[in-house]
Amino acid sequence: MDINRNKPSDDRYYSTSNFYLACYLLARGAELVSINKDNPRRSEFVFVQNSELVEWIDLFNFGPKDSPEISLDPRTFVTAIKSLKDILYQERNKNEE
């Protein structure tokens, strides 16, 4: 994964700056291809676009509360959060050295 690559600009990719959506997508198995850090205050997470991704985004944003389709194992979600934070802070620490 290329952390500082510019955001791909075609329809093969989906990007979001919503950290928890990015965690949810990662926990679901979406392929994270890059993190765009052009804006120092807010990173954009770039995923490969496919039909499952569209469905997961819809579930995350509009799925009914307590719906089994939206549910994830909490440990899987926590692991995704830790992974994204590790990637973000690892890159930040490299830049500070």
C-alpha atoms as a PDB file:
ATOM      1  CA  MET A   1       0.000   0.000   0.000  1.00  0.00           C
ATOM      2  CA  ASP A   2       1.356   3.409  -0.958  1.00  0.00           C
ATOM      3  CA  ILE A   3       0.530   5.677   1.978  1.00  0.00           C
ATOM      4  CA  ASN A   4       1.332   9.011   0.358  1.00  0.00           C
ATOM      5  CA  ARG A   5       0.209   8.306  -3.169  1.00  0.00           C
ATOM      6  CA  ASN A   6      -2.112  10.901  -4.612  1.00  0.00           C
ATOM      7  CA  LYS A   7      -5.742   9.885  -4.613  1.00  0.00           C
ATOM      8  CA  PRO A   8      -6.562   7.794  -7.674  1.00  0.00           C
ATOM      9  CA  SER A   9      -8.986   9.762  -9.801  1.00  0.00           C
ATOM     10  CA  ASP A  10     -10.932   7.118 -11.669  1.00  0.00           C
ATOM     11  CA  ASP A  11     -14.052   5.104 -10.913  1.00  0.00           C
ATOM     12  CA  ARG A  12     -12.072   2.049  -9.854  1.00  0.00           C
ATOM     13  CA  TYR A  13     -11.536   3.628  -6.442  1.00  0.00           C
ATOM     14  CA  TYR A  14     -13.614   5.019  -3.612  1.00  0.00           C
ATOM     15  CA  SER A  15     -12.180   7.464  -1.098  1.00  0.00           C
ATOM     16  CA  THR A  16     -13.489   8.666   2.231  1.00  0.00           C
ATOM     17  CA  SER A  17     -12.159  10.841   5.007  1.00  0.00           C
ATOM     18  CA  ASN A  18     -14.571   9.207   7.481  1.00  0.00           C
ATOM     19  CA  PHE A  19     -12.230   7.236   9.751  1.00  0.00           C
ATOM     20  CA  TYR A  20     -14.905   4.922  11.137  1.00  0.00           C
ATOM     21  CA  LEU A  21     -16.334   4.163   7.706  1.00  0.00           C
ATOM     22  CA  ALA A  22     -12.804   3.304   6.578  1.00  0.00           C
ATOM     23  CA  CYS A  23     -12.430   1.018   9.615  1.00  0.00           C
ATOM     24  CA  TYR A  24     -15.768  -0.632   8.856  1.00  0.00           C
ATOM     25  CA  LEU A  25     -14.802  -1.220   5.229  1.00  0.00           C
ATOM     26  CA  LEU A  26     -11.429  -2.619   6.225  1.00  0.00           C
ATOM     27  CA  ALA A  27     -13.075  -4.919   8.786  1.00  0.00           C
ATOM     28  CA  ARG A  28     -15.457  -6.139   6.063  1.00  0.00           C
ATOM     29  CA  GLY A  29     -12.522  -7.064   3.857  1.00  0.00           C
ATOM     30  CA  ALA A  30     -12.327  -4.102   1.480  1.00  0.00           C
ATOM     31  CA  GLU A  31      -8.949  -3.553  -0.148  1.00  0.00           C
ATOM     32  CA  LEU A  32      -7.263  -0.375   1.090  1.00  0.00           C
ATOM     33  CA  VAL A  33      -4.910   0.820  -1.654  1.00  0.00           C
ATOM     34  CA  SER A  34      -3.641   4.106  -0.271  1.00  0.00           C
ATOM     35  CA  ILE A  35      -4.037   6.863   2.249  1.00  0.00           C
ATOM     36  CA  ASN A  36      -3.955  10.358   0.808  1.00  0.00           C
ATOM     37  CA  LYS A  37      -2.384  12.779   3.267  1.00  0.00           C
ATOM     38  CA  ASP A  38      -2.345  15.914   1.111  1.00  0.00           C
ATOM     39  CA  ASN A  39      -4.468  17.630   3.754  1.00  0.00           C
ATOM     40  CA  PRO A  40      -2.462  17.518   7.020  1.00  0.00           C
ATOM     41  CA  ARG A  41      -5.664  17.819   9.079  1.00  0.00           C
ATOM     42  CA  ARG A  42      -7.644  14.999   7.448  1.00  0.00           C
ATOM     43  CA  SER A  43      -6.512  11.850   5.653  1.00  0.00           C
ATOM     44  CA  GLU A  44      -8.452  10.202   2.838  1.00  0.00           C
ATOM     45  CA  PHE A  45      -8.649   6.431   2.739  1.00  0.00           C
ATOM     46  CA  VAL A  46      -8.755   4.985  -0.783  1.00  0.00           C
ATOM     47  CA  PHE A  47     -10.360   1.599  -1.451  1.00  0.00           C
ATOM     48  CA  VAL A  48     -10.861  -0.531  -4.548  1.00  0.00           C
ATOM     49  CA  GLN A  49     -14.407   0.069  -5.790  1.00  0.00           C
ATOM     50  CA  ASN A  50     -16.646  -2.966  -6.318  1.00  0.00           C
ATOM     51  CA  SER A  51     -20.263  -3.995  -5.785  1.00  0.00           C
ATOM     52  CA  GLU A  52     -19.641  -5.276  -2.249  1.00  0.00           C
ATOM     53  CA  LEU A  53     -18.027  -1.979  -1.274  1.00  0.00           C
ATOM     54  CA  VAL A  54     -21.078  -0.039  -2.473  1.00  0.00           C
ATOM     55  CA  GLU A  55     -23.321  -2.341  -0.433  1.00  0.00           C
ATOM     56  CA  TRP A  56     -21.153  -1.990   2.707  1.00  0.00           C
ATOM     57  CA  ILE A  57     -21.127   1.813   2.427  1.00  0.00           C
ATOM     58  CA  ASP A  58     -24.904   1.821   2.095  1.00  0.00           C
ATOM     59  CA  LEU A  59     -25.252  -0.472   5.130  1.00  0.00           C
ATOM     60  CA  PHE A  60     -22.905   1.672   7.200  1.00  0.00           C
ATOM     61  CA  ASN A  61     -24.723   4.887   6.346  1.00  0.00           C
ATOM     62  CA  PHE A  62     -28.329   3.742   6.121  1.00  0.00           C
ATOM     63  CA  GLY A  63     -28.605   0.229   7.557  1.00  0.00           C
ATOM     64  CA  PRO A  64     -31.268  -0.278  10.221  1.00  0.00           C
ATOM     65  CA  LYS A  65     -30.032  -0.346  13.792  1.00  0.00           C
ATOM     66  CA  ASP A  66     -29.250  -3.863  15.050  1.00  0.00           C
ATOM     67  CA  SER A  67     -29.496  -5.263  11.532  1.00  0.00           C
ATOM     68  CA  PRO A  68     -27.567  -8.525  11.190  1.00  0.00           C
ATOM     69  CA  GLU A  69     -26.302  -7.397   7.768  1.00  0.00           C
ATOM     70  CA  ILE A  70     -24.394  -4.479   9.280  1.00  0.00           C
ATOM     71  CA  SER A  71     -23.081  -6.317  12.330  1.00  0.00           C
ATOM     72  CA  LEU A  72     -19.429  -7.170  12.771  1.00  0.00           C
ATOM     73  CA  ASP A  73     -17.565  -9.023  15.457  1.00  0.00           C
ATOM     74  CA  PRO A  74     -16.345  -6.262  17.810  1.00  0.00           C
ATOM     75  CA  ARG A  75     -12.821  -7.694  17.823  1.00  0.00           C
ATOM     76  CA  THR A  76     -12.662  -7.444  14.042  1.00  0.00           C
ATOM     77  CA  PHE A  77     -13.701  -3.798  14.177  1.00  0.00           C
ATOM     78  CA  VAL A  78     -11.189  -3.016  16.947  1.00  0.00           C
ATOM     79  CA  THR A  79      -8.452  -4.707  14.921  1.00  0.00           C
ATOM     80  CA  ALA A  80      -9.339  -2.554  11.890  1.00  0.00           C
ATOM     81  CA  ILE A  81      -9.235   0.608  14.035  1.00  0.00           C
ATOM     82  CA  LYS A  82      -5.818  -0.344  15.421  1.00  0.00           C
ATOM     83  CA  SER A  83      -4.509  -1.170  11.947  1.00  0.00           C
ATOM     84  CA  LEU A  84      -5.531   2.171  10.469  1.00  0.00           C
ATOM     85  CA  LYS A  85      -4.171   4.089  13.451  1.00  0.00           C
ATOM     86  CA  ASP A  86      -0.894   2.179  13.224  1.00  0.00           C
ATOM     87  CA  ILE A  87      -0.571   3.068   9.540  1.00  0.00           C
ATOM     88  CA  LEU A  88      -1.396   6.735  10.174  1.00  0.00           C
ATOM     89  CA  TYR A  89       0.927   7.165  13.149  1.00  0.00           C
ATOM     90  CA  GLN A  90       3.720   5.076  11.639  1.00  0.00           C
ATOM     91  CA  GLU A  91       3.859   7.437   8.692  1.00  0.00           C
ATOM     92  CA  ARG A  92       3.677  10.490  10.968  1.00  0.00           C
ATOM     93  CA  ASN A  93       6.610   9.193  13.041  1.00  0.00           C
ATOM     94  CA  LYS A  94       8.692   8.615   9.888  1.00  0.00           C
ATOM     95  CA  ASN A  95       8.161  12.243   8.875  1.00  0.00           C
ATOM     96  CA  GLU A  96       9.242  13.503  12.303  1.00  0.00           C
ATOM     97  CA  GLU A  97      12.589  11.652  12.242  1.00  0.00           C
END
